[in-house]
């Protein structure tokens, strides 16, 4: 037990979560989030329609 290292508190987070709300919720950040969401939705819908039209038993 004497050889165990002393427990230290965790290091503080760095990066995106450390910035203030003015950066996190800026118009640019919100626009970027909506563009990413729209791209993911388009990819999902495109893939789903490809599978639907290529799989003969689904129609």
PDB file of N, CA and C in Angstrom:
ATOM      1  N   UNK A   1       0.808  -1.200   0.000  1.00  0.00           N
ATOM      2  CA  UNK A   1       0.000   0.000   0.000  1.00  0.00           C
ATOM      3  C   UNK A   1       0.849   1.260   0.000  1.00  0.00           C
ATOM      4  N   UNK A   2       2.009   1.177   0.571  1.00  0.00           N
ATOM      5  CA  UNK A   2       2.871   2.350   0.619  1.00  0.00           C
ATOM      6  C   UNK A   2       3.438   2.690  -0.752  1.00  0.00           C
ATOM      7  N   UNK A   3       3.446   1.709  -1.656  1.00  0.00           N
ATOM      8  CA  UNK A   3       3.999   1.933  -2.990  1.00  0.00           C
ATOM      9  C   UNK A   3       2.991   2.533  -3.971  1.00  0.00           C
ATOM     10  N   UNK A   4       1.728   2.603  -3.587  1.00  0.00           N
ATOM     11  CA  UNK A   4       0.701   3.124  -4.494  1.00  0.00           C
ATOM     12  C   UNK A   4       0.886   4.623  -4.682  1.00  0.00           C
ATOM     13  N   UNK A   5       0.693   5.113  -5.907  1.00  0.00           N
ATOM     14  CA  UNK A   5       0.808   6.561  -6.115  1.00  0.00           C
ATOM     15  C   UNK A   5      -0.344   7.301  -5.446  1.00  0.00           C
ATOM     16  N   UNK A   6      -0.075   8.522  -5.059  1.00  0.00           N
ATOM     17  CA  UNK A   6      -1.095   9.339  -4.412  1.00  0.00           C
ATOM     18  C   UNK A   6      -2.174   9.713  -5.433  1.00  0.00           C
ATOM     19  N   UNK A   7      -3.412   9.639  -5.019  1.00  0.00           N
ATOM     20  CA  UNK A   7      -4.532   9.956  -5.903  1.00  0.00           C
ATOM     21  C   UNK A   7      -4.576  11.462  -6.123  1.00  0.00           C
ATOM     22  N   UNK A   8      -4.593  11.843  -7.394  1.00  0.00           N
ATOM     23  CA  UNK A   8      -4.655  13.262  -7.738  1.00  0.00           C
ATOM     24  C   UNK A   8      -6.000  13.563  -8.387  1.00  0.00           C
ATOM     25  N   UNK A   9      -6.473  14.778  -8.303  1.00  0.00           N
ATOM     26  CA  UNK A   9      -7.721  15.113  -8.995  1.00  0.00           C
ATOM     27  C   UNK A   9      -7.521  15.065 -10.508  1.00  0.00           C
ATOM     28  N   UNK A  10      -8.599  14.880 -11.222  1.00  0.00           N
ATOM     29  CA  UNK A  10      -8.531  14.808 -12.678  1.00  0.00           C
ATOM     30  C   UNK A  10      -8.116  16.155 -13.260  1.00  0.00           C
ATOM     31  N   UNK A  11      -7.489  16.090 -14.419  1.00  0.00           N
ATOM     32  CA  UNK A  11      -7.109  17.327 -15.102  1.00  0.00           C
ATOM     33  C   UNK A  11      -8.365  18.003 -15.643  1.00  0.00           C
ATOM     34  N   UNK A  12      -8.385  19.304 -15.704  1.00  0.00           N
ATOM     35  CA  UNK A  12      -9.564  19.989 -16.246  1.00  0.00           C
ATOM     36  C   UNK A  12      -9.710  19.718 -17.739  1.00  0.00           C
ATOM     37  N   UNK A  13     -10.941  19.760 -18.203  1.00  0.00           N
ATOM     38  CA  UNK A  13     -11.210  19.569 -19.623  1.00  0.00           C
ATOM     39  C   UNK A  13     -10.630  20.729 -20.421  1.00  0.00           C
ATOM     40  N   UNK A  14     -10.178  20.434 -21.604  1.00  0.00           N
ATOM     41  CA  UNK A  14      -9.694  21.481 -22.495  1.00  0.00           C
ATOM     42  C   UNK A  14     -10.378  21.310 -23.836  1.00  0.00           C
ATOM     43  N   UNK A  15     -10.533  22.387 -24.537  1.00  0.00           N
ATOM     44  CA  UNK A  15     -11.109  22.302 -25.873  1.00  0.00           C
ATOM     45  C   UNK A  15     -12.498  22.896 -25.949  1.00  0.00           C
ATOM     46  N   UNK A  16     -13.360  22.247 -26.705  1.00  0.00           N
ATOM     47  CA  UNK A  16     -14.671  22.796 -27.056  1.00  0.00           C
ATOM     48  C   UNK A  16     -15.532  23.101 -25.839  1.00  0.00           C
ATOM     49  N   UNK A  17     -15.475  22.243 -24.821  1.00  0.00           N
ATOM     50  CA  UNK A  17     -16.363  22.428 -23.681  1.00  0.00           C
ATOM     51  C   UNK A  17     -15.912  23.561 -22.768  1.00  0.00           C
ATOM     52  N   UNK A  18     -14.691  24.041 -22.948  1.00  0.00           N
ATOM     53  CA  UNK A  18     -14.193  25.115 -22.102  1.00  0.00           C
ATOM     54  C   UNK A  18     -14.530  26.499 -22.630  1.00  0.00           C
ATOM     55  N   UNK A  19     -15.030  26.585 -23.849  1.00  0.00           N
ATOM     56  CA  UNK A  19     -15.339  27.897 -24.403  1.00  0.00           C
ATOM     57  C   UNK A  19     -16.686  28.359 -23.873  1.00  0.00           C
ATOM     58  N   UNK A  20     -16.907  29.641 -23.924  1.00  0.00           N
ATOM     59  CA  UNK A  20     -18.140  30.187 -23.396  1.00  0.00           C
ATOM     60  C   UNK A  20     -19.320  29.974 -24.323  1.00  0.00           C
ATOM     61  N   UNK A  21     -20.491  30.336 -23.820  1.00  0.00           N
ATOM     62  CA  UNK A  21     -21.714  30.145 -24.598  1.00  0.00           C
ATOM     63  C   UNK A  21     -21.736  30.995 -25.855  1.00  0.00           C
ATOM     64  N   UNK A  22     -21.052  32.135 -25.833  1.00  0.00           N
ATOM     65  CA  UNK A  22     -21.070  33.006 -27.009  1.00  0.00           C
ATOM     66  C   UNK A  22     -20.418  32.323 -28.208  1.00  0.00           C
ATOM     67  N   UNK A  23     -19.453  31.447 -27.980  1.00  0.00           N
ATOM     68  CA  UNK A  23     -18.822  30.712 -29.079  1.00  0.00           C
ATOM     69  C   UNK A  23     -19.612  29.449 -29.396  1.00  0.00           C
ATOM     70  N   UNK A  24     -20.061  28.776 -28.356  1.00  0.00           N
ATOM     71  CA  UNK A  24     -20.763  27.504 -28.540  1.00  0.00           C
ATOM     72  C   UNK A  24     -22.081  27.683 -29.279  1.00  0.00           C
ATOM     73  N   UNK A  25     -22.783  28.772 -29.020  1.00  0.00           N
ATOM     74  CA  UNK A  25     -24.101  28.988 -29.614  1.00  0.00           C
ATOM     75  C   UNK A  25     -24.094  30.151 -30.598  1.00  0.00           C
ATOM     76  N   UNK A  26     -22.984  30.371 -31.245  1.00  0.00           N
ATOM     77  CA  UNK A  26     -22.913  31.455 -32.222  1.00  0.00           C
ATOM     78  C   UNK A  26     -23.678  31.062 -33.484  1.00  0.00           C
ATOM     79  N   UNK A  27     -23.952  32.048 -34.323  1.00  0.00           N
ATOM     80  CA  UNK A  27     -24.670  31.788 -35.570  1.00  0.00           C
ATOM     81  C   UNK A  27     -23.886  30.815 -36.442  1.00  0.00           C
ATOM     82  N   UNK A  28     -22.573  30.960 -36.465  1.00  0.00           N
ATOM     83  CA  UNK A  28     -21.729  30.069 -37.281  1.00  0.00           C
ATOM     84  C   UNK A  28     -21.796  28.626 -36.778  1.00  0.00           C
ATOM     85  N   UNK A  29     -21.746  28.448 -35.457  1.00  0.00           N
ATOM     86  CA  UNK A  29     -21.797  27.097 -34.887  1.00  0.00           C
ATOM     87  C   UNK A  29     -23.149  26.441 -35.143  1.00  0.00           C
ATOM     88  N   UNK A  30     -24.222  27.211 -35.011  1.00  0.00           N
ATOM     89  CA  UNK A  30     -25.552  26.657 -35.260  1.00  0.00           C
ATOM     90  C   UNK A  30     -25.740  26.305 -36.729  1.00  0.00           C
ATOM     91  N   UNK A  31     -25.258  27.166 -37.623  1.00  0.00           N
ATOM     92  CA  UNK A  31     -25.353  26.877 -39.056  1.00  0.00           C
ATOM     93  C   UNK A  31     -24.571  25.615 -39.389  1.00  0.00           C
ATOM     94  N   UNK A  32     -23.383  25.488 -38.831  1.00  0.00           N
ATOM     95  CA  UNK A  32     -22.560  24.299 -39.076  1.00  0.00           C
ATOM     96  C   UNK A  32     -23.266  23.044 -38.570  1.00  0.00           C
ATOM     97  N   UNK A  33     -23.890  23.130 -37.413  1.00  0.00           N
ATOM     98  CA  UNK A  33     -24.596  21.974 -36.859  1.00  0.00           C
ATOM     99  C   UNK A  33     -25.764  21.564 -37.751  1.00  0.00           C
ATOM    100  N   UNK A  34     -26.528  22.551 -38.254  1.00  0.00           N
ATOM    101  CA  UNK A  34     -27.655  22.237 -39.135  1.00  0.00           C
ATOM    102  C   UNK A  34     -27.185  21.646 -40.460  1.00  0.00           C
ATOM    103  N   UNK A  35     -26.068  22.141 -40.984  1.00  0.00           N
ATOM    104  CA  UNK A  35     -25.530  21.601 -42.243  1.00  0.00           C
ATOM    105  C   UNK A  35     -25.094  20.153 -42.044  1.00  0.00           C
ATOM    106  N   UNK A  36     -24.433  19.867 -40.939  1.00  0.00           N
ATOM    107  CA  UNK A  36     -24.012  18.492 -40.653  1.00  0.00           C
ATOM    108  C   UNK A  36     -25.227  17.587 -40.489  1.00  0.00           C
ATOM    109  N   UNK A  37     -26.238  18.052 -39.771  1.00  0.00           N
ATOM    110  CA  UNK A  37     -27.451  17.261 -39.583  1.00  0.00           C
ATOM    111  C   UNK A  37     -28.149  16.998 -40.910  1.00  0.00           C
ATOM    112  N   UNK A  38     -28.249  18.018 -41.761  1.00  0.00           N
ATOM    113  CA  UNK A  38     -28.883  17.845 -43.071  1.00  0.00           C
ATOM    114  C   UNK A  38     -28.100  16.864 -43.940  1.00  0.00           C
ATOM    115  N   UNK A  39     -26.782  16.921 -43.882  1.00  0.00           N
ATOM    116  CA  UNK A  39     -25.958  15.990 -44.664  1.00  0.00           C
ATOM    117  C   UNK A  39     -26.164  14.556 -44.186  1.00  0.00           C
ATOM    118  N   UNK A  40     -26.198  14.352 -42.881  1.00  0.00           N
ATOM    119  CA  UNK A  40     -26.432  13.009 -42.351  1.00  0.00           C
ATOM    120  C   UNK A  40     -27.810  12.488 -42.743  1.00  0.00           C
ATOM    121  N   UNK A  41     -28.814  13.362 -42.706  1.00  0.00           N
ATOM    122  CA  UNK A  41     -30.158  12.956 -43.106  1.00  0.00           C
ATOM    123  C   UNK A  41     -30.204  12.596 -44.588  1.00  0.00           C
ATOM    124  N   UNK A  42     -29.532  13.377 -45.424  1.00  0.00           N
ATOM    125  CA  UNK A  42     -29.516  13.099 -46.859  1.00  0.00           C
ATOM    126  C   UNK A  42     -28.808  11.778 -47.153  1.00  0.00           C
ATOM    127  N   UNK A  43     -27.697  11.525 -46.480  1.00  0.00           N
ATOM    128  CA  UNK A  43     -26.979  10.259 -46.675  1.00  0.00           C
ATOM    129  C   UNK A  43     -27.853   9.087 -46.239  1.00  0.00           C
ATOM    130  N   UNK A  44     -28.505   9.222 -45.106  1.00  0.00           N
ATOM    131  CA  UNK A  44     -29.374   8.149 -44.615  1.00  0.00           C
ATOM    132  C   UNK A  44     -30.532   7.899 -45.568  1.00  0.00           C
ATOM    133  N   UNK A  45     -31.189   8.964 -46.000  1.00  0.00           N
ATOM    134  CA  UNK A  45     -32.322   8.819 -46.910  1.00  0.00           C
ATOM    135  C   UNK A  45     -31.875   8.233 -48.243  1.00  0.00           C
ATOM    136  N   UNK A  46     -30.751   8.705 -48.750  1.00  0.00           N
ATOM    137  CA  UNK A  46     -30.233   8.168 -50.009  1.00  0.00           C
ATOM    138  C   UNK A  46     -29.928   6.688 -49.902  1.00  0.00           C
ATOM    139  N   UNK A  47     -29.259   6.281 -48.838  1.00  0.00           N
ATOM    140  CA  UNK A  47     -28.924   4.873 -48.652  1.00  0.00           C
ATOM    141  C   UNK A  47     -30.192   4.028 -48.497  1.00  0.00           C
ATOM    142  N   UNK A  48     -31.164   4.526 -47.741  1.00  0.00           N
ATOM    143  CA  UNK A  48     -32.409   3.794 -47.539  1.00  0.00           C
ATOM    144  C   UNK A  48     -33.149   3.612 -48.856  1.00  0.00           C
ATOM    145  N   UNK A  49     -33.202   4.644 -49.680  1.00  0.00           N
ATOM    146  CA  UNK A  49     -33.889   4.531 -50.966  1.00  0.00           C
ATOM    147  C   UNK A  49     -33.154   3.606 -51.922  1.00  0.00           C
ATOM    148  N   UNK A  50     -31.839   3.616 -51.890  1.00  0.00           N
ATOM    149  CA  UNK A  50     -31.073   2.685 -52.732  1.00  0.00           C
ATOM    150  C   UNK A  50     -31.409   1.246 -52.352  1.00  0.00           C
ATOM    151  N   UNK A  51     -31.404   0.954 -51.065  1.00  0.00           N
ATOM    152  CA  UNK A  51     -31.731  -0.399 -50.613  1.00  0.00           C
ATOM    153  C   UNK A  51     -33.169  -0.741 -50.979  1.00  0.00           C
ATOM    154  N   UNK A  52     -34.083   0.198 -50.815  1.00  0.00           N
ATOM    155  CA  UNK A  52     -35.496  -0.050 -51.107  1.00  0.00           C
ATOM    156  C   UNK A  52     -35.703  -0.400 -52.575  1.00  0.00           C
ATOM    157  N   UNK A  53     -35.070   0.344 -53.473  1.00  0.00           N
ATOM    158  CA  UNK A  53     -35.295   0.107 -54.895  1.00  0.00           C
ATOM    159  C   UNK A  53     -34.473  -1.060 -55.439  1.00  0.00           C
ATOM    160  N   UNK A  54     -33.407  -1.448 -54.770  1.00  0.00           N
ATOM    161  CA  UNK A  54     -32.610  -2.581 -55.239  1.00  0.00           C
ATOM    162  C   UNK A  54     -33.085  -3.921 -54.671  1.00  0.00           C
ATOM    163  N   UNK A  55     -33.783  -3.895 -53.571  1.00  0.00           N
ATOM    164  CA  UNK A  55     -34.244  -5.132 -52.945  1.00  0.00           C
ATOM    165  C   UNK A  55     -35.643  -5.461 -53.465  1.00  0.00           C
ATOM    166  N   UNK A  56     -35.808  -6.511 -54.271  1.00  0.00           N
ATOM    167  CA  UNK A  56     -37.105  -6.766 -54.912  1.00  0.00           C
ATOM    168  C   UNK A  56     -38.208  -7.169 -53.936  1.00  0.00           C
ATOM    169  N   UNK A  57     -37.889  -7.757 -52.820  1.00  0.00           N
ATOM    170  CA  UNK A  57     -38.926  -8.214 -51.902  1.00  0.00           C
ATOM    171  C   UNK A  57     -39.547  -7.112 -51.063  1.00  0.00           C
ATOM    172  N   UNK A  58     -39.000  -5.911 -51.084  1.00  0.00           N
ATOM    173  CA  UNK A  58     -39.519  -4.832 -50.240  1.00  0.00           C
ATOM    174  C   UNK A  58     -40.696  -4.097 -50.873  1.00  0.00           C
ATOM    175  N   UNK A  59     -40.857  -4.221 -52.193  1.00  0.00           N
ATOM    176  CA  UNK A  59     -41.946  -3.490 -52.842  1.00  0.00           C
ATOM    177  C   UNK A  59     -43.109  -4.383 -53.120  1.00  0.00           C
TER     178      UNK A  59
END
